[in-house]
Amino acid sequence: MDRPRLIVFCGLSGVGKSTASKYVAEACSAERYRSDEVRKELFDDPTYDDAETERTYEALLDRAQSELEAGGSVVLDATFSSERYRAAAADLAERTDADCTFVRVTCRDNVVKRRMEARNDTVSDATFETYLQQKERFDSLEREHVEIDNSGSVAEMEAALEEALL
């Protein structure tokens, strides 16, 4: 039997992680968990403070663990801006004997701004200002990872994902 996969999408708000992670989850028949959705399930009126973020990532990883232990593959969609959350995901993959791949999604600032102004995603509360703030405090991604530039079309992003992951 093939080992389950844990594919961790990380990057700033608005770069297209959700579009990319949805595509990969469907292609791999993997369960997909989004931090935006988990946070809204846990908190009626999210404040995005540290304690709330901690609980959100704990719940995200708990859900992933259950699926991985059952032999299923998982795609996680969150900023993972802090190395400690990335380390927790890598530890989870090791504990559950899952193959683990980190995917950093990037996008040019002007494209992020344009897309954020046009989107009607009711799940994410992020604004372009949020994106700029995250950019200042995103921990360097030192671990092995795939980088996908999502500044172009959806078809270009899907082709890059196909080549890198699928």
N, C-alpha and C. Protein backbone atom coordinates (compact mmCIF):
# COMPACT_ATOMS: atom_id res chain seq x y z
N MET A 1 0.84 -1.20 0.00
CA MET A 1 0.00 0.00 0.00
C MET A 1 0.87 1.25 0.00
N ASP A 2 0.50 2.24 -0.78
CA ASP A 2 1.23 3.49 -0.82
C ASP A 2 1.11 4.22 0.52
N ARG A 3 2.17 4.93 0.85
CA ARG A 3 2.13 5.75 2.06
C ARG A 3 1.22 6.95 1.84
N PRO A 4 0.54 7.38 2.88
CA PRO A 4 -0.26 8.59 2.75
C PRO A 4 0.66 9.79 2.52
N ARG A 5 0.10 10.83 1.94
CA ARG A 5 0.85 12.06 1.68
C ARG A 5 0.28 13.19 2.51
N LEU A 6 1.18 14.02 3.02
CA LEU A 6 0.81 15.27 3.66
C LEU A 6 1.44 16.37 2.81
N ILE A 7 0.58 17.16 2.18
CA ILE A 7 1.06 18.26 1.35
C ILE A 7 0.65 19.56 2.04
N VAL A 8 1.65 20.33 2.43
CA VAL A 8 1.45 21.53 3.24
C VAL A 8 1.63 22.77 2.36
N PHE A 9 0.53 23.46 2.10
CA PHE A 9 0.59 24.70 1.33
C PHE A 9 0.79 25.86 2.29
N CYS A 10 1.81 26.65 2.02
CA CYS A 10 2.07 27.81 2.87
C CYS A 10 2.34 29.02 2.00
N GLY A 11 2.20 30.18 2.58
CA GLY A 11 2.42 31.43 1.86
C GLY A 11 1.50 32.51 2.41
N LEU A 12 1.72 33.69 1.95
CA LEU A 12 0.97 34.84 2.44
C LEU A 12 -0.49 34.79 2.00
N SER A 13 -1.32 35.48 2.71
CA SER A 13 -2.74 35.58 2.34
C SER A 13 -2.85 36.21 0.95
N GLY A 14 -3.75 35.67 0.15
CA GLY A 14 -4.04 36.26 -1.14
C GLY A 14 -3.18 35.79 -2.30
N VAL A 15 -2.21 34.90 -2.05
CA VAL A 15 -1.33 34.45 -3.14
C VAL A 15 -1.92 33.32 -3.97
N GLY A 16 -3.01 32.74 -3.50
CA GLY A 16 -3.67 31.68 -4.26
C GLY A 16 -3.47 30.29 -3.70
N LYS A 17 -3.17 30.20 -2.41
CA LYS A 17 -3.00 28.88 -1.77
C LYS A 17 -4.26 28.04 -1.89
N SER A 18 -5.40 28.65 -1.70
CA SER A 18 -6.65 27.89 -1.71
C SER A 18 -6.96 27.33 -3.09
N THR A 19 -6.72 28.11 -4.12
CA THR A 19 -6.94 27.62 -5.48
C THR A 19 -5.98 26.47 -5.77
N ALA A 20 -4.71 26.66 -5.41
CA ALA A 20 -3.70 25.62 -5.66
C ALA A 20 -3.96 24.37 -4.82
N SER A 21 -4.27 24.56 -3.55
CA SER A 21 -4.47 23.40 -2.67
C SER A 21 -5.72 22.61 -3.06
N LYS A 22 -6.75 23.31 -3.51
CA LYS A 22 -7.97 22.62 -3.96
C LYS A 22 -7.66 21.75 -5.17
N TYR A 23 -6.91 22.28 -6.11
CA TYR A 23 -6.54 21.54 -7.32
C TYR A 23 -5.76 20.28 -6.96
N VAL A 24 -4.79 20.41 -6.08
CA VAL A 24 -3.96 19.27 -5.70
C VAL A 24 -4.77 18.25 -4.91
N ALA A 25 -5.60 18.70 -3.99
CA ALA A 25 -6.41 17.78 -3.19
C ALA A 25 -7.32 16.94 -4.09
N GLU A 26 -7.93 17.59 -5.07
CA GLU A 26 -8.81 16.85 -5.99
C GLU A 26 -8.00 15.87 -6.84
N ALA A 27 -6.83 16.29 -7.31
CA ALA A 27 -6.00 15.43 -8.16
C ALA A 27 -5.46 14.23 -7.39
N CYS A 28 -5.23 14.40 -6.10
CA CYS A 28 -4.66 13.32 -5.27
C CYS A 28 -5.72 12.56 -4.48
N SER A 29 -6.97 12.92 -4.63
CA SER A 29 -8.05 12.36 -3.80
C SER A 29 -7.70 12.47 -2.32
N ALA A 30 -7.23 13.65 -1.94
CA ALA A 30 -6.82 13.90 -0.55
C ALA A 30 -7.87 14.75 0.15
N GLU A 31 -7.91 14.59 1.46
CA GLU A 31 -8.76 15.43 2.29
C GLU A 31 -8.06 16.79 2.41
N ARG A 32 -8.82 17.88 2.31
CA ARG A 32 -8.22 19.23 2.38
C ARG A 32 -8.77 19.96 3.58
N TYR A 33 -7.85 20.53 4.36
CA TYR A 33 -8.23 21.32 5.53
C TYR A 33 -7.65 22.72 5.39
N ARG A 34 -8.52 23.72 5.50
CA ARG A 34 -8.13 25.13 5.39
C ARG A 34 -8.20 25.79 6.76
N SER A 35 -7.15 26.52 7.10
CA SER A 35 -7.14 27.20 8.40
C SER A 35 -8.27 28.22 8.49
N ASP A 36 -8.60 28.89 7.38
CA ASP A 36 -9.70 29.87 7.41
C ASP A 36 -11.02 29.22 7.84
N GLU A 37 -11.29 28.03 7.30
CA GLU A 37 -12.53 27.33 7.65
C GLU A 37 -12.50 26.83 9.08
N VAL A 38 -11.37 26.25 9.48
CA VAL A 38 -11.24 25.72 10.85
C VAL A 38 -11.40 26.85 11.86
N ARG A 39 -10.75 27.99 11.61
CA ARG A 39 -10.84 29.13 12.53
C ARG A 39 -12.29 29.58 12.69
N LYS A 40 -13.03 29.65 11.58
CA LYS A 40 -14.42 30.11 11.65
C LYS A 40 -15.32 29.10 12.36
N GLU A 41 -14.95 27.82 12.29
CA GLU A 41 -15.70 26.80 13.04
C GLU A 41 -15.45 26.96 14.54
N LEU A 42 -14.22 27.31 14.90
CA LEU A 42 -13.85 27.41 16.30
C LEU A 42 -14.28 28.73 16.95
N PHE A 43 -14.28 29.80 16.17
CA PHE A 43 -14.51 31.14 16.72
C PHE A 43 -15.56 31.88 15.89
N ASP A 44 -16.63 32.31 16.57
CA ASP A 44 -17.71 33.03 15.87
C ASP A 44 -17.24 34.37 15.32
N ASP A 45 -16.39 35.05 16.08
CA ASP A 45 -15.91 36.37 15.68
C ASP A 45 -14.39 36.40 15.85
N PRO A 46 -13.64 35.85 14.89
CA PRO A 46 -12.20 35.70 15.06
C PRO A 46 -11.47 37.02 15.27
N THR A 47 -10.49 36.98 16.17
CA THR A 47 -9.66 38.16 16.46
C THR A 47 -8.26 38.00 15.88
N TYR A 48 -7.89 36.78 15.53
CA TYR A 48 -6.56 36.47 14.96
C TYR A 48 -5.43 36.73 15.95
N ASP A 49 -5.74 36.64 17.25
CA ASP A 49 -4.66 36.78 18.23
C ASP A 49 -3.87 35.48 18.32
N ASP A 50 -2.76 35.52 19.07
CA ASP A 50 -1.86 34.37 19.12
C ASP A 50 -2.52 33.11 19.67
N ALA A 51 -3.32 33.25 20.73
CA ALA A 51 -3.97 32.09 21.34
C ALA A 51 -4.96 31.46 20.36
N GLU A 52 -5.69 32.27 19.65
CA GLU A 52 -6.65 31.78 18.67
C GLU A 52 -5.92 31.08 17.51
N THR A 53 -4.83 31.66 17.08
CA THR A 53 -4.04 31.05 16.00
C THR A 53 -3.49 29.70 16.46
N GLU A 54 -3.02 29.63 17.68
CA GLU A 54 -2.51 28.37 18.24
C GLU A 54 -3.60 27.29 18.21
N ARG A 55 -4.79 27.64 18.67
CA ARG A 55 -5.90 26.67 18.67
C ARG A 55 -6.29 26.25 17.26
N THR A 56 -6.23 27.19 16.34
CA THR A 56 -6.58 26.90 14.94
C THR A 56 -5.60 25.89 14.36
N TYR A 57 -4.31 26.11 14.55
CA TYR A 57 -3.32 25.18 14.01
C TYR A 57 -3.38 23.82 14.70
N GLU A 58 -3.65 23.81 16.01
CA GLU A 58 -3.81 22.53 16.72
C GLU A 58 -4.96 21.74 16.11
N ALA A 59 -6.08 22.40 15.88
CA ALA A 59 -7.25 21.72 15.30
C ALA A 59 -6.96 21.27 13.87
N LEU A 60 -6.29 22.09 13.11
CA LEU A 60 -5.94 21.75 11.73
C LEU A 60 -5.08 20.49 11.70
N LEU A 61 -4.07 20.45 12.55
CA LEU A 61 -3.17 19.30 12.59
C LEU A 61 -3.84 18.07 13.19
N ASP A 62 -4.74 18.25 14.14
CA ASP A 62 -5.50 17.11 14.70
C ASP A 62 -6.34 16.45 13.61
N ARG A 63 -7.00 17.26 12.80
CA ARG A 63 -7.82 16.71 11.72
C ARG A 63 -6.94 15.97 10.72
N ALA A 64 -5.81 16.55 10.41
CA ALA A 64 -4.88 15.91 9.48
C ALA A 64 -4.39 14.58 10.05
N GLN A 65 -4.09 14.56 11.33
CA GLN A 65 -3.59 13.33 11.97
C GLN A 65 -4.61 12.21 11.87
N SER A 66 -5.86 12.51 12.15
CA SER A 66 -6.90 11.47 12.07
C SER A 66 -6.97 10.88 10.67
N GLU A 67 -6.92 11.71 9.66
CA GLU A 67 -7.01 11.24 8.28
C GLU A 67 -5.76 10.45 7.89
N LEU A 68 -4.59 10.94 8.27
CA LEU A 68 -3.34 10.25 7.94
C LEU A 68 -3.27 8.89 8.63
N GLU A 69 -3.69 8.83 9.90
CA GLU A 69 -3.68 7.56 10.63
C GLU A 69 -4.63 6.55 10.01
N ALA A 70 -5.67 7.04 9.35
CA ALA A 70 -6.62 6.16 8.66
C ALA A 70 -6.10 5.76 7.28
N GLY A 71 -4.92 6.25 6.92
CA GLY A 71 -4.32 5.89 5.64
C GLY A 71 -4.62 6.83 4.50
N GLY A 72 -5.35 7.91 4.79
CA GLY A 72 -5.68 8.87 3.74
C GLY A 72 -4.61 9.94 3.60
N SER A 73 -4.62 10.60 2.46
CA SER A 73 -3.71 11.71 2.23
C SER A 73 -4.40 13.02 2.59
N VAL A 74 -3.58 14.03 2.92
CA VAL A 74 -4.11 15.30 3.40
C VAL A 74 -3.38 16.46 2.73
N VAL A 75 -4.16 17.48 2.38
CA VAL A 75 -3.62 18.75 1.91
C VAL A 75 -4.00 19.79 2.97
N LEU A 76 -3.01 20.51 3.47
CA LEU A 76 -3.26 21.58 4.42
C LEU A 76 -3.07 22.93 3.73
N ASP A 77 -3.97 23.85 4.03
CA ASP A 77 -3.96 25.18 3.42
C ASP A 77 -3.99 26.21 4.55
N ALA A 78 -2.83 26.84 4.80
CA ALA A 78 -2.71 27.87 5.83
C ALA A 78 -1.47 28.69 5.51
N THR A 79 -1.31 29.82 6.15
CA THR A 79 -0.11 30.61 5.86
C THR A 79 1.16 29.88 6.31
N PHE A 80 1.08 29.15 7.42
CA PHE A 80 2.27 28.51 7.97
C PHE A 80 3.44 29.49 7.98
N SER A 81 3.16 30.72 8.40
CA SER A 81 4.19 31.76 8.39
C SER A 81 5.24 31.55 9.47
N SER A 82 4.90 30.78 10.48
CA SER A 82 5.83 30.51 11.58
C SER A 82 6.48 29.14 11.39
N GLU A 83 7.79 29.09 11.54
CA GLU A 83 8.52 27.84 11.39
C GLU A 83 8.02 26.79 12.38
N ARG A 84 7.57 27.21 13.54
CA ARG A 84 7.14 26.21 14.53
C ARG A 84 5.91 25.43 14.05
N TYR A 85 5.03 26.07 13.30
CA TYR A 85 3.88 25.34 12.76
C TYR A 85 4.30 24.43 11.61
N ARG A 86 5.28 24.86 10.83
CA ARG A 86 5.82 23.99 9.78
C ARG A 86 6.48 22.76 10.41
N ALA A 87 7.22 22.98 11.48
CA ALA A 87 7.88 21.87 12.18
C ALA A 87 6.84 20.91 12.74
N ALA A 88 5.75 21.44 13.25
CA ALA A 88 4.68 20.58 13.79
C ALA A 88 4.07 19.72 12.68
N ALA A 89 3.91 20.30 11.50
CA ALA A 89 3.37 19.53 10.37
C ALA A 89 4.36 18.45 9.94
N ALA A 90 5.64 18.78 9.89
CA ALA A 90 6.67 17.79 9.52
C ALA A 90 6.72 16.67 10.55
N ASP A 91 6.61 17.02 11.83
CA ASP A 91 6.59 16.00 12.90
C ASP A 91 5.38 15.09 12.76
N LEU A 92 4.24 15.67 12.42
CA LEU A 92 3.03 14.89 12.21
C LEU A 92 3.24 13.88 11.08
N ALA A 93 3.83 14.31 10.00
CA ALA A 93 4.09 13.40 8.87
C ALA A 93 5.00 12.26 9.32
N GLU A 94 6.01 12.59 10.08
CA GLU A 94 6.93 11.55 10.56
C GLU A 94 6.22 10.56 11.48
N ARG A 95 5.41 11.07 12.40
CA ARG A 95 4.69 10.20 13.35
C ARG A 95 3.70 9.28 12.66
N THR A 96 3.13 9.74 11.55
CA THR A 96 2.11 8.95 10.86
C THR A 96 2.68 8.24 9.63
N ASP A 97 3.98 8.29 9.47
CA ASP A 97 4.68 7.64 8.35
C ASP A 97 4.12 8.10 7.00
N ALA A 98 3.89 9.40 6.89
CA ALA A 98 3.38 9.99 5.65
C ALA A 98 4.51 10.69 4.91
N ASP A 99 4.46 10.63 3.59
CA ASP A 99 5.36 11.45 2.79
C ASP A 99 4.93 12.90 2.97
N CYS A 100 5.88 13.80 3.13
CA CYS A 100 5.55 15.19 3.39
C CYS A 100 6.20 16.10 2.37
N THR A 101 5.40 16.98 1.79
CA THR A 101 5.89 17.97 0.85
C THR A 101 5.37 19.34 1.25
N PHE A 102 6.27 20.30 1.33
CA PHE A 102 5.87 21.68 1.58
C PHE A 102 5.83 22.41 0.24
N VAL A 103 4.77 23.19 0.04
CA VAL A 103 4.61 23.97 -1.19
C VAL A 103 4.41 25.42 -0.77
N ARG A 104 5.35 26.27 -1.18
CA ARG A 104 5.19 27.70 -0.92
C ARG A 104 4.63 28.35 -2.16
N VAL A 105 3.49 28.98 -2.01
CA VAL A 105 2.86 29.68 -3.11
C VAL A 105 3.22 31.16 -2.98
N THR A 106 3.72 31.72 -4.08
CA THR A 106 4.08 33.13 -4.11
C THR A 106 3.29 33.82 -5.23
N CYS A 107 3.31 35.14 -5.20
CA CYS A 107 2.59 35.90 -6.21
C CYS A 107 3.10 37.35 -6.14
N ARG A 108 3.16 38.00 -7.27
CA ARG A 108 3.59 39.40 -7.28
C ARG A 108 2.59 40.27 -6.52
N ASP A 109 3.10 41.29 -5.81
CA ASP A 109 2.28 42.17 -4.99
C ASP A 109 1.11 42.77 -5.75
N ASN A 110 1.37 43.29 -6.95
CA ASN A 110 0.30 43.96 -7.69
C ASN A 110 -0.81 42.98 -8.09
N VAL A 111 -0.45 41.72 -8.34
CA VAL A 111 -1.45 40.70 -8.68
C VAL A 111 -2.27 40.35 -7.44
N VAL A 112 -1.60 40.19 -6.30
CA VAL A 112 -2.31 39.91 -5.04
C VAL A 112 -3.32 41.02 -4.76
N LYS A 113 -2.87 42.26 -4.87
CA LYS A 113 -3.76 43.39 -4.58
C LYS A 113 -4.99 43.36 -5.49
N ARG A 114 -4.76 43.16 -6.78
CA ARG A 114 -5.87 43.14 -7.74
C ARG A 114 -6.84 41.99 -7.43
N ARG A 115 -6.30 40.81 -7.15
CA ARG A 115 -7.16 39.65 -6.88
C ARG A 115 -7.92 39.82 -5.57
N MET A 116 -7.26 40.36 -4.55
CA MET A 116 -7.95 40.53 -3.26
C MET A 116 -9.09 41.53 -3.36
N GLU A 117 -8.88 42.57 -4.14
CA GLU A 117 -9.94 43.57 -4.32
C GLU A 117 -11.13 43.00 -5.08
N ALA A 118 -10.89 41.99 -5.93
CA ALA A 118 -11.95 41.43 -6.78
C ALA A 118 -12.63 40.20 -6.18
N ARG A 119 -12.02 39.59 -5.16
CA ARG A 119 -12.58 38.30 -4.71
C ARG A 119 -13.80 38.45 -3.82
N ASN A 120 -14.64 37.42 -3.84
CA ASN A 120 -15.81 37.37 -2.96
C ASN A 120 -15.71 36.15 -2.06
N ASP A 121 -14.50 35.81 -1.63
CA ASP A 121 -14.28 34.68 -0.72
C ASP A 121 -14.74 35.09 0.67
N THR A 122 -15.84 34.54 1.10
CA THR A 122 -16.38 34.94 2.40
C THR A 122 -15.68 34.23 3.56
N VAL A 123 -14.83 33.24 3.25
CA VAL A 123 -14.17 32.51 4.32
C VAL A 123 -12.97 33.29 4.87
N SER A 124 -12.19 33.89 3.98
CA SER A 124 -11.00 34.61 4.41
C SER A 124 -11.33 36.05 4.77
N ASP A 125 -10.75 36.53 5.86
CA ASP A 125 -10.93 37.92 6.27
C ASP A 125 -9.75 38.78 5.86
N ALA A 126 -8.77 38.19 5.18
CA ALA A 126 -7.53 38.89 4.87
C ALA A 126 -7.75 40.02 3.85
N THR A 127 -7.03 41.09 4.06
CA THR A 127 -7.02 42.24 3.15
C THR A 127 -5.60 42.39 2.61
N PHE A 128 -5.40 43.32 1.68
CA PHE A 128 -4.06 43.56 1.16
C PHE A 128 -3.14 44.06 2.28
N GLU A 129 -3.70 44.80 3.21
CA GLU A 129 -2.93 45.25 4.37
C GLU A 129 -2.44 44.05 5.20
N THR A 130 -3.31 43.05 5.35
CA THR A 130 -2.92 41.81 6.04
C THR A 130 -1.74 41.16 5.32
N TYR A 131 -1.84 41.08 4.00
CA TYR A 131 -0.78 40.51 3.18
C TYR A 131 0.54 41.23 3.43
N LEU A 132 0.52 42.56 3.42
CA LEU A 132 1.75 43.34 3.63
C LEU A 132 2.32 43.11 5.03
N GLN A 133 1.46 43.02 6.03
CA GLN A 133 1.91 42.76 7.41
C GLN A 133 2.54 41.37 7.50
N GLN A 134 1.90 40.38 6.89
CA GLN A 134 2.44 39.02 6.91
C GLN A 134 3.80 38.96 6.23
N LYS A 135 3.95 39.71 5.16
CA LYS A 135 5.20 39.72 4.41
C LYS A 135 6.37 40.13 5.30
N GLU A 136 6.11 41.03 6.23
CA GLU A 136 7.15 41.52 7.14
C GLU A 136 7.56 40.48 8.17
N ARG A 137 6.65 39.57 8.54
CA ARG A 137 6.95 38.65 9.64
C ARG A 137 6.91 37.17 9.25
N PHE A 138 6.95 36.88 7.97
CA PHE A 138 6.94 35.49 7.51
C PHE A 138 8.32 34.89 7.76
N ASP A 139 8.39 33.84 8.59
CA ASP A 139 9.67 33.18 8.87
C ASP A 139 10.25 32.60 7.58
N SER A 140 11.54 32.76 7.42
CA SER A 140 12.22 32.21 6.25
C SER A 140 11.94 30.71 6.14
N LEU A 141 11.67 30.26 4.93
CA LEU A 141 11.37 28.85 4.70
C LEU A 141 12.65 28.13 4.32
N GLU A 142 13.31 27.57 5.32
CA GLU A 142 14.62 26.93 5.14
C GLU A 142 14.50 25.47 4.75
N ARG A 143 13.39 24.85 5.08
CA ARG A 143 13.25 23.41 4.79
C ARG A 143 13.00 23.20 3.30
N GLU A 144 13.25 21.97 2.84
CA GLU A 144 13.03 21.65 1.44
C GLU A 144 11.57 21.90 1.09
N HIS A 145 11.36 22.53 -0.06
CA HIS A 145 9.99 22.83 -0.48
C HIS A 145 9.94 23.06 -1.99
N VAL A 146 8.73 23.01 -2.50
CA VAL A 146 8.44 23.35 -3.88
C VAL A 146 7.92 24.78 -3.85
N GLU A 147 8.34 25.59 -4.80
CA GLU A 147 7.82 26.96 -4.87
C GLU A 147 7.02 27.12 -6.15
N ILE A 148 5.81 27.63 -6.01
CA ILE A 148 4.92 27.85 -7.14
C ILE A 148 4.61 29.34 -7.22
N ASP A 149 4.98 29.97 -8.32
CA ASP A 149 4.63 31.38 -8.55
C ASP A 149 3.24 31.40 -9.18
N ASN A 150 2.31 31.99 -8.48
CA ASN A 150 0.91 32.02 -8.92
C ASN A 150 0.53 33.38 -9.49
N SER A 151 1.48 34.07 -10.09
CA SER A 151 1.19 35.40 -10.64
C SER A 151 0.49 35.34 -11.99
N GLY A 152 0.53 34.18 -12.65
CA GLY A 152 -0.07 34.05 -13.98
C GLY A 152 -1.48 33.50 -13.91
N SER A 153 -1.82 32.76 -14.94
CA SER A 153 -3.18 32.22 -15.05
C SER A 153 -3.34 30.96 -14.20
N VAL A 154 -4.59 30.57 -14.00
CA VAL A 154 -4.88 29.33 -13.28
C VAL A 154 -4.27 28.14 -14.03
N ALA A 155 -4.37 28.15 -15.35
CA ALA A 155 -3.80 27.05 -16.15
C ALA A 155 -2.29 26.95 -15.95
N GLU A 156 -1.61 28.08 -15.87
CA GLU A 156 -0.15 28.06 -15.63
C GLU A 156 0.17 27.51 -14.24
N MET A 157 -0.62 27.90 -13.25
CA MET A 157 -0.44 27.40 -11.88
C MET A 157 -0.68 25.89 -11.84
N GLU A 158 -1.73 25.44 -12.49
CA GLU A 158 -2.04 24.00 -12.51
C GLU A 158 -0.93 23.22 -13.21
N ALA A 159 -0.38 23.75 -14.28
CA ALA A 159 0.71 23.07 -14.98
C ALA A 159 1.95 22.98 -14.10
N ALA A 160 2.25 24.03 -13.37
CA ALA A 160 3.39 24.02 -12.45
C ALA A 160 3.19 23.00 -11.34
N LEU A 161 1.97 22.91 -10.83
CA LEU A 161 1.67 21.93 -9.78
C LEU A 161 1.78 20.50 -10.34
N GLU A 162 1.28 20.29 -11.53
CA GLU A 162 1.36 18.98 -12.18
C GLU A 162 2.82 18.54 -12.26
N GLU A 163 3.67 19.44 -12.74
CA GLU A 163 5.08 19.13 -12.92
C GLU A 163 5.78 18.88 -11.58
N ALA A 164 5.45 19.66 -10.58
CA ALA A 164 6.16 19.59 -9.31
C ALA A 164 5.65 18.49 -8.36
N LEU A 165 4.35 18.20 -8.41
CA LEU A 165 3.74 17.34 -7.39
C LEU A 165 3.01 16.10 -7.89
N LEU A 166 2.45 16.18 -9.07
CA LEU A 166 1.48 15.15 -9.44
C LEU A 166 2.01 14.16 -10.48
